N, C-alpha and C. Protein backbone atom coordinates (compact mmCIF):
# COMPACT_ATOMS: atom_id res chain seq x y z
N UNK A 1 1.05 -1.39 0.04
CA UNK A 1 -0.27 0.50 -0.34
C UNK A 1 0.75 1.65 0.21
N UNK A 2 0.51 1.79 -0.93
CA UNK A 2 1.28 3.79 -1.31
C UNK A 2 0.79 4.23 0.08
N UNK A 3 1.81 4.99 0.47
CA UNK A 3 1.46 6.21 1.48
C UNK A 3 0.89 7.37 0.82
N UNK A 4 -0.49 8.47 0.67
CA UNK A 4 -1.09 9.03 0.85
C UNK A 4 -0.96 10.26 1.41
N UNK A 5 -0.44 11.36 1.15
CA UNK A 5 -0.74 12.78 1.06
C UNK A 5 -1.47 13.36 1.94
N UNK A 6 -1.56 14.19 3.15
CA UNK A 6 -3.39 14.58 4.15
C UNK A 6 -3.34 15.48 2.78
N UNK A 7 -4.90 15.48 2.52
CA UNK A 7 -5.33 16.35 1.81
C UNK A 7 -4.55 17.92 1.23
N UNK A 8 -4.31 18.46 2.50
CA UNK A 8 -4.07 20.04 2.78
C UNK A 8 -2.41 19.91 2.08
N UNK A 9 -1.63 18.69 2.25
CA UNK A 9 -0.41 18.47 1.27
C UNK A 9 -0.51 18.72 -0.33
N UNK A 10 -1.65 17.72 -0.35
CA UNK A 10 -1.60 17.33 -2.02
C UNK A 10 -2.04 18.77 -2.61
N UNK A 11 -2.39 19.55 -1.83
CA UNK A 11 -2.96 20.39 -3.16
C UNK A 11 -1.95 21.96 -2.82
N UNK A 12 -0.63 21.44 -1.71
CA UNK A 12 0.24 22.41 -1.51
C UNK A 12 1.17 21.80 -2.81
N UNK A 13 1.92 20.60 -2.72
CA UNK A 13 2.33 19.98 -3.66
C UNK A 13 1.58 20.60 -5.33
N UNK A 14 0.88 20.61 -5.62
CA UNK A 14 -0.33 20.72 -6.94
C UNK A 14 0.22 22.17 -7.27
N UNK A 15 -0.42 23.13 -5.97
CA UNK A 15 0.02 24.56 -6.09
C UNK A 15 1.72 25.23 -6.91
N UNK A 16 2.41 24.80 -5.78
CA UNK A 16 3.95 24.26 -6.77
C UNK A 16 4.68 23.71 -7.37
N UNK A 17 3.74 22.94 -8.28
CA UNK A 17 4.01 22.59 -9.24
C UNK A 17 3.26 23.48 -10.78
N UNK A 18 2.15 23.14 -10.36
CA UNK A 18 1.36 24.64 -11.24
C UNK A 18 2.13 26.12 -11.59
N UNK A 19 2.94 25.97 -10.01
CA UNK A 19 3.46 27.58 -10.68
C UNK A 19 5.35 27.75 -10.72
N UNK A 20 5.90 25.98 -10.69
CA UNK A 20 6.92 25.93 -11.62
C UNK A 20 6.49 25.95 -12.91
N UNK A 21 5.24 25.27 -13.07
CA UNK A 21 5.60 24.98 -14.68
C UNK A 21 4.96 26.53 -15.32
N UNK A 22 4.39 27.11 -14.89
CA UNK A 22 4.00 28.43 -15.35
C UNK A 22 4.78 28.98 -15.61
N UNK A 23 6.24 29.35 -14.52
CA UNK A 23 7.48 29.61 -14.35
C UNK A 23 7.56 29.72 -15.67
N UNK A 24 8.24 28.27 -16.48
CA UNK A 24 8.73 28.03 -17.36
C UNK A 24 8.08 28.32 -19.17
N UNK A 25 6.94 28.60 -18.48
CA UNK A 25 6.18 28.48 -19.64
C UNK A 25 6.00 30.36 -20.06
N UNK A 26 6.55 31.06 -19.36
CA UNK A 26 6.59 32.26 -19.15
C UNK A 26 7.68 32.62 -20.41
N UNK A 27 8.70 31.85 -20.51
CA UNK A 27 9.78 32.17 -21.59
C UNK A 27 10.96 31.83 -20.89
N UNK A 28 11.95 31.83 -22.01
CA UNK A 28 13.33 31.26 -21.85
C UNK A 28 14.28 32.10 -21.03
N UNK A 29 14.94 32.13 -20.02
CA UNK A 29 15.52 33.24 -19.05
C UNK A 29 16.70 32.55 -18.79
N UNK A 30 17.78 33.69 -18.69
CA UNK A 30 18.42 33.13 -18.51
C UNK A 30 19.51 34.25 -17.47
N UNK A 31 20.62 34.31 -16.85
CA UNK A 31 21.04 35.11 -16.04
C UNK A 31 21.92 36.05 -16.73
N UNK A 32 22.15 37.33 -16.53
CA UNK A 32 23.94 38.00 -17.27
C UNK A 32 25.13 37.34 -16.46
N UNK A 33 26.01 37.09 -17.36
CA UNK A 33 27.04 36.36 -17.06
C UNK A 33 28.58 37.21 -17.35
N UNK A 34 29.42 37.39 -16.88
CA UNK A 34 30.60 38.11 -17.43
C UNK A 34 31.38 36.78 -18.27
N UNK A 35 31.60 37.36 -19.40
CA UNK A 35 32.57 35.99 -19.69
C UNK A 35 33.92 36.83 -20.81
N UNK A 36 33.92 38.45 -20.11
CA UNK A 36 35.72 38.55 -20.79
C UNK A 36 35.79 39.76 -19.72
N UNK A 37 36.70 39.16 -19.11
CA UNK A 37 36.93 40.71 -18.46
C UNK A 37 38.43 40.81 -18.31
N UNK A 38 39.10 42.28 -17.89
CA UNK A 38 40.74 42.48 -17.56
C UNK A 38 40.92 42.98 -16.43
N UNK A 39 41.59 42.64 -15.75
CA UNK A 39 42.27 42.99 -14.53
C UNK A 39 42.66 44.35 -14.74
N UNK A 40 42.11 45.12 -13.97
CA UNK A 40 43.02 46.30 -13.43
C UNK A 40 44.88 47.02 -13.51
N UNK A 41 45.65 47.40 -14.21
CA UNK A 41 46.32 48.01 -14.49
C UNK A 41 47.12 48.50 -13.03
N UNK A 42 47.61 48.47 -12.25
CA UNK A 42 48.54 49.01 -10.79
C UNK A 42 48.80 50.23 -11.12
N UNK A 43 48.27 51.12 -10.62
CA UNK A 43 49.20 52.60 -11.57
C UNK A 43 50.52 52.21 -10.70
N UNK A 44 51.57 52.71 -10.98
CA UNK A 44 53.23 52.70 -11.15
C UNK A 44 53.54 53.69 -9.95
N UNK A 45 53.08 54.76 -9.82
CA UNK A 45 53.05 55.92 -8.45
C UNK A 45 52.74 54.91 -7.30
N UNK A 46 51.02 54.70 -7.32
CA UNK A 46 50.42 54.08 -6.40
C UNK A 46 51.85 52.89 -5.87
N UNK A 47 51.99 51.68 -6.67
CA UNK A 47 53.10 51.37 -6.18
C UNK A 47 54.25 51.25 -5.89
N UNK A 48 54.43 51.97 -6.49
CA UNK A 48 55.86 52.89 -5.82
C UNK A 48 55.75 53.58 -4.40
N UNK A 49 54.63 54.15 -3.87
CA UNK A 49 54.85 54.38 -3.00
C UNK A 49 54.17 53.50 -1.94
N UNK A 50 53.16 52.21 -1.98
CA UNK A 50 53.20 50.74 -1.13
C UNK A 50 51.22 51.49 -0.94
N UNK A 51 50.91 52.00 -1.62
CA UNK A 51 49.58 52.81 -1.86
C UNK A 51 48.64 51.70 -1.72
N UNK A 52 47.92 51.32 -0.91
CA UNK A 52 46.33 50.21 -1.57
C UNK A 52 45.10 50.62 -1.31
N UNK A 53 44.08 50.10 -2.14
CA UNK A 53 43.02 50.82 -1.96
C UNK A 53 41.43 50.09 -2.64
N UNK A 54 41.04 50.82 -3.15
CA UNK A 54 39.32 50.41 -3.86
C UNK A 54 38.56 50.89 -4.46
N UNK A 55 38.04 50.79 -5.35
CA UNK A 55 37.08 51.77 -6.59
C UNK A 55 35.91 50.80 -6.60
N UNK A 56 34.32 51.85 -5.86
CA UNK A 56 33.06 51.40 -6.24
C UNK A 56 32.80 52.07 -8.21
N UNK A 57 32.43 51.60 -8.25
CA UNK A 57 31.88 51.28 -9.75
C UNK A 57 30.27 51.24 -10.30
N UNK A 58 29.85 52.03 -10.71
CA UNK A 58 28.41 51.69 -11.04
C UNK A 58 28.62 51.79 -12.85
N UNK A 59 27.67 50.71 -13.28
CA UNK A 59 27.43 50.54 -15.40
C UNK A 59 26.25 50.52 -15.07
N UNK A 60 25.96 50.52 -16.44
CA UNK A 60 24.99 49.52 -17.36
C UNK A 60 25.47 48.53 -18.14
N UNK A 61 24.63 47.19 -18.53
CA UNK A 61 25.23 46.58 -18.96
C UNK A 61 24.06 46.41 -20.13
N UNK A 62 24.54 46.87 -21.89
CA UNK A 62 23.45 46.66 -22.82
C UNK A 62 23.78 45.22 -23.40
N UNK A 63 22.30 45.38 -24.21
CA UNK A 63 21.58 44.01 -25.04
C UNK A 63 23.05 43.14 -25.16
N UNK A 64 24.00 43.84 -25.47
CA UNK A 64 24.69 43.62 -26.57
C UNK A 64 26.01 42.61 -26.17
N UNK A 65 25.93 43.10 -24.14
CA UNK A 65 27.10 42.89 -23.25
C UNK A 65 28.46 43.83 -23.10
N UNK A 66 27.93 44.77 -23.87
CA UNK A 66 29.21 46.01 -23.70
C UNK A 66 29.11 47.00 -22.54
N UNK A 67 30.00 47.25 -21.72
CA UNK A 67 29.93 48.02 -20.73
C UNK A 67 29.81 49.24 -20.63
N UNK A 68 28.18 49.94 -20.62
CA UNK A 68 27.45 51.48 -20.50
C UNK A 68 27.64 52.55 -19.39
N UNK A 69 27.84 54.01 -19.73
CA UNK A 69 27.49 54.83 -18.93
C UNK A 69 28.73 53.91 -17.37
N UNK A 70 29.66 53.94 -17.41
CA UNK A 70 30.54 53.57 -16.23
C UNK A 70 30.82 55.26 -15.65
N UNK A 71 31.04 54.97 -14.25
CA UNK A 71 30.91 55.77 -13.37
C UNK A 71 30.99 55.41 -12.07
N UNK A 72 32.40 56.82 -11.27
CA UNK A 72 33.18 56.00 -10.15
C UNK A 72 31.65 56.40 -9.37
N UNK A 73 31.54 55.79 -8.32
CA UNK A 73 30.51 55.73 -7.17
C UNK A 73 31.54 56.59 -5.68
N UNK A 74 32.69 55.83 -5.01
CA UNK A 74 33.25 56.09 -4.20
C UNK A 74 34.82 55.46 -4.60
N UNK A 75 35.89 56.01 -3.90
CA UNK A 75 36.66 55.25 -4.17
C UNK A 75 37.51 55.67 -2.85
N UNK A 76 38.94 54.74 -2.42
CA UNK A 76 39.63 54.74 -1.61
C UNK A 76 40.92 54.47 -1.96
N UNK A 77 41.59 55.36 -1.53
CA UNK A 77 41.92 57.04 -1.39
C UNK A 77 41.29 57.38 -2.91
N UNK A 78 40.59 58.60 -2.23
CA UNK A 78 39.62 58.75 -3.34
C UNK A 78 41.15 59.32 -4.71
N UNK A 79 40.53 59.40 -6.16
CA UNK A 79 41.50 59.51 -7.52
C UNK A 79 42.88 58.72 -7.62
N UNK A 80 43.14 58.24 -6.39
CA UNK A 80 44.65 57.18 -6.61
C UNK A 80 43.84 55.84 -7.90
N UNK A 81 43.03 55.42 -7.48
CA UNK A 81 42.81 54.15 -8.71
C UNK A 81 41.57 54.25 -9.62
N UNK A 82 40.85 55.60 -9.27
CA UNK A 82 39.37 55.65 -10.35
C UNK A 82 40.43 55.12 -11.62
N UNK A 83 40.94 55.75 -12.37
CA UNK A 83 41.09 55.67 -14.17
C UNK A 83 41.05 54.28 -14.25
N UNK A 84 42.40 53.27 -13.49
CA UNK A 84 42.96 52.88 -13.43
C UNK A 84 41.92 51.22 -13.42
N UNK A 85 40.76 51.55 -12.72
CA UNK A 85 39.44 50.62 -12.52
C UNK A 85 38.70 51.28 -13.79
N UNK A 86 38.60 52.43 -13.67
CA UNK A 86 37.64 52.25 -15.38
C UNK A 86 38.06 52.04 -16.20
N UNK A 87 39.03 51.77 -16.77
CA UNK A 87 39.64 51.15 -17.61
C UNK A 87 39.34 49.99 -18.18
N UNK A 88 39.86 49.44 -16.69
CA UNK A 88 39.59 47.72 -16.78
C UNK A 88 37.90 47.27 -17.06
N UNK A 89 37.56 47.72 -16.48
CA UNK A 89 35.60 47.41 -15.99
C UNK A 89 35.37 48.02 -17.83
N UNK A 90 35.71 49.00 -18.29
CA UNK A 90 35.16 49.47 -20.01
C UNK A 90 34.85 48.80 -20.64
N UNK A 91 36.88 47.50 -20.56
CA UNK A 91 37.11 46.52 -21.17
C UNK A 91 36.02 45.43 -21.34
N UNK A 92 35.86 45.26 -19.97
CA UNK A 92 34.50 43.70 -19.83
C UNK A 92 33.40 43.72 -21.04
N UNK A 93 32.90 41.99 -20.80
CA UNK A 93 31.97 41.90 -21.48
C UNK A 93 31.30 40.92 -20.99
N UNK A 94 30.07 41.09 -20.91
CA UNK A 94 28.86 40.22 -20.02
C UNK A 94 28.14 39.40 -21.79
N UNK A 95 27.55 38.29 -20.76
CA UNK A 95 26.34 37.64 -22.24
C UNK A 95 25.50 38.27 -21.46
N UNK A 96 24.50 38.89 -21.73
CA UNK A 96 22.89 40.03 -21.19
C UNK A 96 22.91 38.40 -21.26
N UNK A 97 21.90 39.62 -19.87
CA UNK A 97 20.53 38.20 -19.78
C UNK A 97 19.88 38.15 -20.33
N UNK A 98 18.99 36.75 -20.47
CA UNK A 98 17.88 36.77 -21.28
C UNK A 98 16.82 36.93 -20.70
N UNK A 99 15.83 37.03 -21.27
CA UNK A 99 14.60 37.56 -20.97
C UNK A 99 13.08 37.13 -21.70
N UNK A 100 12.42 36.28 -21.92
CA UNK A 100 11.83 35.68 -22.49
C UNK A 100 12.09 35.46 -24.34
N UNK A 101 13.90 34.53 -24.20
CA UNK A 101 13.86 34.92 -25.01
C UNK A 101 15.00 35.56 -26.01
N UNK A 102 15.28 36.86 -25.01
CA UNK A 102 15.65 37.91 -26.07
C UNK A 102 16.84 38.72 -24.95
N UNK A 103 17.44 38.83 -25.41
CA UNK A 103 18.94 39.45 -24.46
C UNK A 103 18.16 41.15 -23.91
N UNK A 104 18.58 41.39 -22.84
CA UNK A 104 18.19 42.40 -22.55
C UNK A 104 20.03 43.37 -21.75
N UNK A 105 18.91 44.16 -21.71
CA UNK A 105 20.16 45.48 -21.14
C UNK A 105 19.69 45.53 -19.81
N UNK A 106 20.47 45.71 -18.79
CA UNK A 106 20.89 45.82 -17.15
C UNK A 106 21.33 46.89 -16.48
N UNK A 107 20.73 47.88 -15.84
CA UNK A 107 20.89 49.33 -15.37
C UNK A 107 21.65 48.86 -14.57
N UNK A 108 22.27 49.87 -13.57
CA UNK A 108 22.74 49.72 -12.38
C UNK A 108 23.98 49.02 -11.77
N UNK A 109 24.49 47.98 -12.31
CA UNK A 109 25.41 47.33 -11.74
C UNK A 109 26.56 47.68 -11.30
N UNK A 110 26.69 47.37 -10.03
CA UNK A 110 28.07 48.03 -9.18
C UNK A 110 29.13 46.89 -8.85
N UNK A 111 30.37 47.35 -8.88
CA UNK A 111 30.95 46.48 -9.25
C UNK A 111 32.50 47.34 -7.98
N UNK A 112 32.77 46.46 -7.41
CA UNK A 112 34.09 47.13 -6.61
C UNK A 112 35.44 46.24 -6.65
N UNK A 113 36.20 47.32 -7.28
CA UNK A 113 37.88 46.80 -7.51
C UNK A 113 38.88 46.60 -6.67
N UNK A 114 39.73 45.83 -6.07
CA UNK A 114 40.54 46.36 -4.95
C UNK A 114 41.74 46.07 -5.11
N UNK A 115 42.56 47.21 -5.19
CA UNK A 115 44.03 46.87 -5.24
C UNK A 115 44.91 47.03 -3.95
N UNK A 116 45.70 45.69 -4.60
CA UNK A 116 46.13 44.91 -2.69
C UNK A 116 47.92 44.84 -4.13
N UNK A 117 48.91 45.54 -3.23
CA UNK A 117 50.06 45.18 -3.62
C UNK A 117 50.57 43.32 -3.29
N UNK A 118 50.87 42.99 -3.85
CA UNK A 118 51.65 41.50 -4.01
C UNK A 118 50.22 40.44 -3.79
N UNK A 119 49.17 40.89 -4.94
CA UNK A 119 48.26 40.35 -5.13
C UNK A 119 48.76 39.62 -6.01
N UNK A 120 49.02 40.10 -7.32
CA UNK A 120 49.77 39.55 -8.47
C UNK A 120 50.71 39.01 -8.56
N UNK A 121 51.89 38.84 -7.61
CA UNK A 121 52.75 37.28 -7.12
C UNK A 121 52.47 36.69 -6.17
N UNK A 122 51.32 36.27 -5.72
CA UNK A 122 50.60 35.56 -5.56
C UNK A 122 50.37 34.33 -6.09
N UNK A 123 49.77 34.80 -7.86
CA UNK A 123 49.61 33.67 -8.52
C UNK A 123 50.91 33.43 -9.64
N UNK A 124 51.70 33.82 -9.29
CA UNK A 124 53.18 33.77 -10.66
C UNK A 124 53.28 32.61 -10.50
N UNK A 125 53.62 31.48 -9.49
CA UNK A 125 53.63 29.69 -9.99
C UNK A 125 53.56 29.08 -10.56
N UNK A 126 51.40 29.73 -10.75
CA UNK A 126 50.44 29.05 -11.17
C UNK A 126 50.82 28.92 -13.20
């Protein structure tokens, strides 16, 4: 004899199944994905002076995967790494998210790039 779920549980299972199927029927969806990145070039002056820091950037991703409307939100120390961070992120390429089967633009993506001395040297043996 096979165990059966109480009526209340069968109803919940049926509702969840219907919701999942409705989501699948709504169209093909796929999240955005970074497919090409470029690491920032550590500014020579900052490196020589032993300065570390970070830059928080905000940008949009066009439906073709290009980065657009790139701007610095904040940085520490201010202005030291901004240009290097912007140059790197401007080269990034994404696979734009697929919504209802078509590539879509994304607004307001925020990324933080950290500049740490010795980070590159940690990977030299690989």
